[in-house]
Amino acid sequence: QYLIGSDKVLLMQLNGFLSLQTMFDDVSGFGAWHRRWCVLSGNCISYWTYPDDEKSKTPLGRINLANCTSRKIDPANREFCARPHTFELITVRPQREDDRETLVSQCKNTLCVT
């Protein structure tokens, strides 16, 4: 269990593979999952395709946990995702020009909820 919204900053760095659905591909109406090398540092999860990419490439993306509206992270409901060890993070950020609506992202007014 990880509590979000704490004033404490994680001083150590954690890393490992996670399967992410943030890089969304619509495959027959279902989201495609991508295995990515992830690094949690401070309040940000950065991700790459391979572990070696971390040292030589810009991350494919970042998830800023400060934008996370989830107060507590628990395993996802099996009706939401049948994959074991799955959790859901909901983030809110200002909408960008290239944002589009998908099964995992909704754009409302000037905000993007993912």
C-alpha atoms as a PDB file:
ATOM      1  CA  GLN A   1       0.000   0.000   0.000  1.00  0.00           C
ATOM      2  CA  TYR A   2       1.310   3.442  -0.962  1.00  0.00           C
ATOM      3  CA  LEU A   3      -0.186   6.636   0.456  1.00  0.00           C
ATOM      4  CA  ILE A   4      -0.229   9.647  -1.820  1.00  0.00           C
ATOM      5  CA  GLY A   5      -0.342  13.255  -0.718  1.00  0.00           C
ATOM      6  CA  SER A   6       2.332  13.042   1.920  1.00  0.00           C
ATOM      7  CA  ASP A   7       4.731  15.944   2.374  1.00  0.00           C
ATOM      8  CA  LYS A   8       7.562  13.425   2.665  1.00  0.00           C
ATOM      9  CA  VAL A   9       9.702  12.847  -0.412  1.00  0.00           C
ATOM     10  CA  LEU A  10      10.996   9.385  -1.183  1.00  0.00           C
ATOM     11  CA  LEU A  11      14.772   9.669  -0.882  1.00  0.00           C
ATOM     12  CA  MET A  12      15.602   6.310  -2.389  1.00  0.00           C
ATOM     13  CA  GLN A  13      15.051   5.249  -5.966  1.00  0.00           C
ATOM     14  CA  LEU A  14      13.033   2.135  -6.862  1.00  0.00           C
ATOM     15  CA  ASN A  15      13.092   0.503 -10.269  1.00  0.00           C
ATOM     16  CA  GLY A  16      11.779  -2.516 -12.135  1.00  0.00           C
ATOM     17  CA  PHE A  17       9.436  -3.617 -14.903  1.00  0.00           C
ATOM     18  CA  LEU A  18       5.756  -2.655 -14.868  1.00  0.00           C
ATOM     19  CA  SER A  19       3.060  -3.189 -17.460  1.00  0.00           C
ATOM     20  CA  LEU A  20       1.504   0.165 -18.330  1.00  0.00           C
ATOM     21  CA  GLN A  21      -1.634   1.079 -20.164  1.00  0.00           C
ATOM     22  CA  THR A  22      -0.742   4.774 -20.273  1.00  0.00           C
ATOM     23  CA  MET A  23       0.700   4.413 -23.761  1.00  0.00           C
ATOM     24  CA  PHE A  24      -2.700   3.545 -25.135  1.00  0.00           C
ATOM     25  CA  ASP A  25      -3.314   1.555 -28.299  1.00  0.00           C
ATOM     26  CA  ASP A  26      -6.904   0.765 -29.184  1.00  0.00           C
ATOM     27  CA  VAL A  27      -6.979  -2.892 -30.224  1.00  0.00           C
ATOM     28  CA  SER A  28     -10.549  -3.903 -31.115  1.00  0.00           C
ATOM     29  CA  GLY A  29     -11.905  -1.660 -28.370  1.00  0.00           C
ATOM     30  CA  PHE A  30      -9.478  -2.926 -25.728  1.00  0.00           C
ATOM     31  CA  GLY A  31      -6.377  -1.253 -24.343  1.00  0.00           C
ATOM     32  CA  ALA A  32      -3.003  -2.785 -25.110  1.00  0.00           C
ATOM     33  CA  TRP A  33      -0.518  -3.199 -22.265  1.00  0.00           C
ATOM     34  CA  HIS A  34       3.183  -2.406 -22.654  1.00  0.00           C
ATOM     35  CA  ARG A  35       5.957  -3.774 -20.449  1.00  0.00           C
ATOM     36  CA  ARG A  36       8.184  -0.844 -19.511  1.00  0.00           C
ATOM     37  CA  TRP A  37      11.262  -0.304 -17.340  1.00  0.00           C
ATOM     38  CA  CYS A  38      10.113   2.087 -14.611  1.00  0.00           C
ATOM     39  CA  VAL A  39      11.968   4.222 -12.092  1.00  0.00           C
ATOM     40  CA  LEU A  40      10.245   5.783  -9.095  1.00  0.00           C
ATOM     41  CA  SER A  41      12.275   8.752  -7.934  1.00  0.00           C
ATOM     42  CA  GLY A  42      10.756  11.332  -5.611  1.00  0.00           C
ATOM     43  CA  ASN A  43       7.145  11.729  -6.683  1.00  0.00           C
ATOM     44  CA  CYS A  44       7.670  10.757 -10.342  1.00  0.00           C
ATOM     45  CA  ILE A  45       7.566   7.437 -12.218  1.00  0.00           C
ATOM     46  CA  SER A  46       9.639   7.632 -15.426  1.00  0.00           C
ATOM     47  CA  TYR A  47       9.544   4.791 -17.944  1.00  0.00           C
ATOM     48  CA  TRP A  48      11.612   3.428 -20.828  1.00  0.00           C
ATOM     49  CA  THR A  49      11.435   0.358 -23.062  1.00  0.00           C
ATOM     50  CA  TYR A  50      14.579  -1.307 -21.646  1.00  0.00           C
ATOM     51  CA  PRO A  51      16.709  -0.897 -18.487  1.00  0.00           C
ATOM     52  CA  ASP A  52      19.747   0.280 -20.503  1.00  0.00           C
ATOM     53  CA  ASP A  53      17.642   3.082 -22.018  1.00  0.00           C
ATOM     54  CA  GLU A  54      17.499   4.763 -18.605  1.00  0.00           C
ATOM     55  CA  LYS A  55      21.142   5.852 -18.888  1.00  0.00           C
ATOM     56  CA  SER A  56      21.144   6.873 -22.562  1.00  0.00           C
ATOM     57  CA  LYS A  57      17.646   7.999 -23.592  1.00  0.00           C
ATOM     58  CA  THR A  58      14.942  10.419 -22.565  1.00  0.00           C
ATOM     59  CA  PRO A  59      12.030   8.626 -20.848  1.00  0.00           C
ATOM     60  CA  LEU A  60       9.102   7.617 -23.043  1.00  0.00           C
ATOM     61  CA  GLY A  61       6.922   9.278 -20.431  1.00  0.00           C
ATOM     62  CA  ARG A  62       6.541  10.313 -16.827  1.00  0.00           C
ATOM     63  CA  ILE A  63       3.742   9.943 -14.317  1.00  0.00           C
ATOM     64  CA  ASN A  64       3.807  12.755 -11.780  1.00  0.00           C
ATOM     65  CA  LEU A  65       2.319  11.331  -8.591  1.00  0.00           C
ATOM     66  CA  ALA A  66       1.751  14.889  -7.341  1.00  0.00           C
ATOM     67  CA  ASN A  67      -1.030  15.050  -9.980  1.00  0.00           C
ATOM     68  CA  CYS A  68      -2.529  11.795  -8.754  1.00  0.00           C
ATOM     69  CA  THR A  69      -6.035  12.126  -7.330  1.00  0.00           C
ATOM     70  CA  SER A  70      -5.996   8.590  -5.874  1.00  0.00           C
ATOM     71  CA  ARG A  71      -5.541   8.890  -2.112  1.00  0.00           C
ATOM     72  CA  LYS A  72      -4.588   5.245  -1.622  1.00  0.00           C
ATOM     73  CA  ILE A  73      -3.278   2.642  -4.057  1.00  0.00           C
ATOM     74  CA  ASP A  74      -4.760  -0.827  -3.716  1.00  0.00           C
ATOM     75  CA  PRO A  75      -5.040  -3.732  -6.157  1.00  0.00           C
ATOM     76  CA  ALA A  76      -7.497  -2.947  -8.967  1.00  0.00           C
ATOM     77  CA  ASN A  77     -10.919  -4.533  -8.988  1.00  0.00           C
ATOM     78  CA  ARG A  78     -10.802  -7.698 -11.130  1.00  0.00           C
ATOM     79  CA  GLU A  79     -13.794  -6.368 -13.112  1.00  0.00           C
ATOM     80  CA  PHE A  80     -11.627  -3.404 -14.137  1.00  0.00           C
ATOM     81  CA  CYS A  81      -8.624  -5.568 -15.075  1.00  0.00           C
ATOM     82  CA  ALA A  82      -8.206  -9.324 -14.796  1.00  0.00           C
ATOM     83  CA  ARG A  83      -4.398  -9.069 -14.675  1.00  0.00           C
ATOM     84  CA  PRO A  84      -3.000  -9.937 -11.229  1.00  0.00           C
ATOM     85  CA  HIS A  85      -1.013  -7.297  -9.295  1.00  0.00           C
ATOM     86  CA  THR A  86      -2.735  -4.437 -11.156  1.00  0.00           C
ATOM     87  CA  PHE A  87      -3.360  -1.035  -9.602  1.00  0.00           C
ATOM     88  CA  GLU A  88      -4.949   2.112 -10.946  1.00  0.00           C
ATOM     89  CA  LEU A  89      -3.586   5.651 -10.718  1.00  0.00           C
ATOM     90  CA  ILE A  90      -5.830   8.546 -11.698  1.00  0.00           C
ATOM     91  CA  THR A  91      -4.033  11.762 -12.605  1.00  0.00           C
ATOM     92  CA  VAL A  92      -5.302  15.215 -13.547  1.00  0.00           C
ATOM     93  CA  ARG A  93      -3.210  17.714 -15.498  1.00  0.00           C
ATOM     94  CA  PRO A  94      -3.756  20.664 -17.822  1.00  0.00           C
ATOM     95  CA  GLN A  95      -4.899  19.561 -21.258  1.00  0.00           C
ATOM     96  CA  ARG A  96      -2.289  19.647 -24.044  1.00  0.00           C
ATOM     97  CA  GLU A  97      -2.964  20.357 -27.689  1.00  0.00           C
ATOM     98  CA  ASP A  98      -2.169  16.767 -28.744  1.00  0.00           C
ATOM     99  CA  ASP A  99      -4.416  15.102 -26.100  1.00  0.00           C
ATOM    100  CA  ARG A 100      -7.194  12.867 -27.387  1.00  0.00           C
ATOM    101  CA  GLU A 101     -10.013  10.937 -25.761  1.00  0.00           C
ATOM    102  CA  THR A 102      -9.320   7.215 -25.287  1.00  0.00           C
ATOM    103  CA  LEU A 103     -10.582   4.464 -23.016  1.00  0.00           C
ATOM    104  CA  VAL A 104      -8.048   5.599 -20.383  1.00  0.00           C
ATOM    105  CA  SER A 105      -7.997   9.383 -20.968  1.00  0.00           C
ATOM    106  CA  GLN A 106     -10.811  11.908 -20.868  1.00  0.00           C
ATOM    107  CA  CYS A 107     -10.427  15.594 -21.703  1.00  0.00           C
ATOM    108  CA  LYS A 108     -12.825  17.899 -19.861  1.00  0.00           C
ATOM    109  CA  ASN A 109     -12.726  21.668 -20.339  1.00  0.00           C
ATOM    110  CA  THR A 110      -9.017  22.468 -19.881  1.00  0.00           C
ATOM    111  CA  LEU A 111      -8.058  19.304 -17.947  1.00  0.00           C
ATOM    112  CA  CYS A 112      -7.010  15.800 -18.959  1.00  0.00           C
ATOM    113  CA  VAL A 113      -7.966  12.958 -16.608  1.00  0.00           C
ATOM    114  CA  THR A 114      -5.989   9.761 -17.143  1.00  0.00           C
END
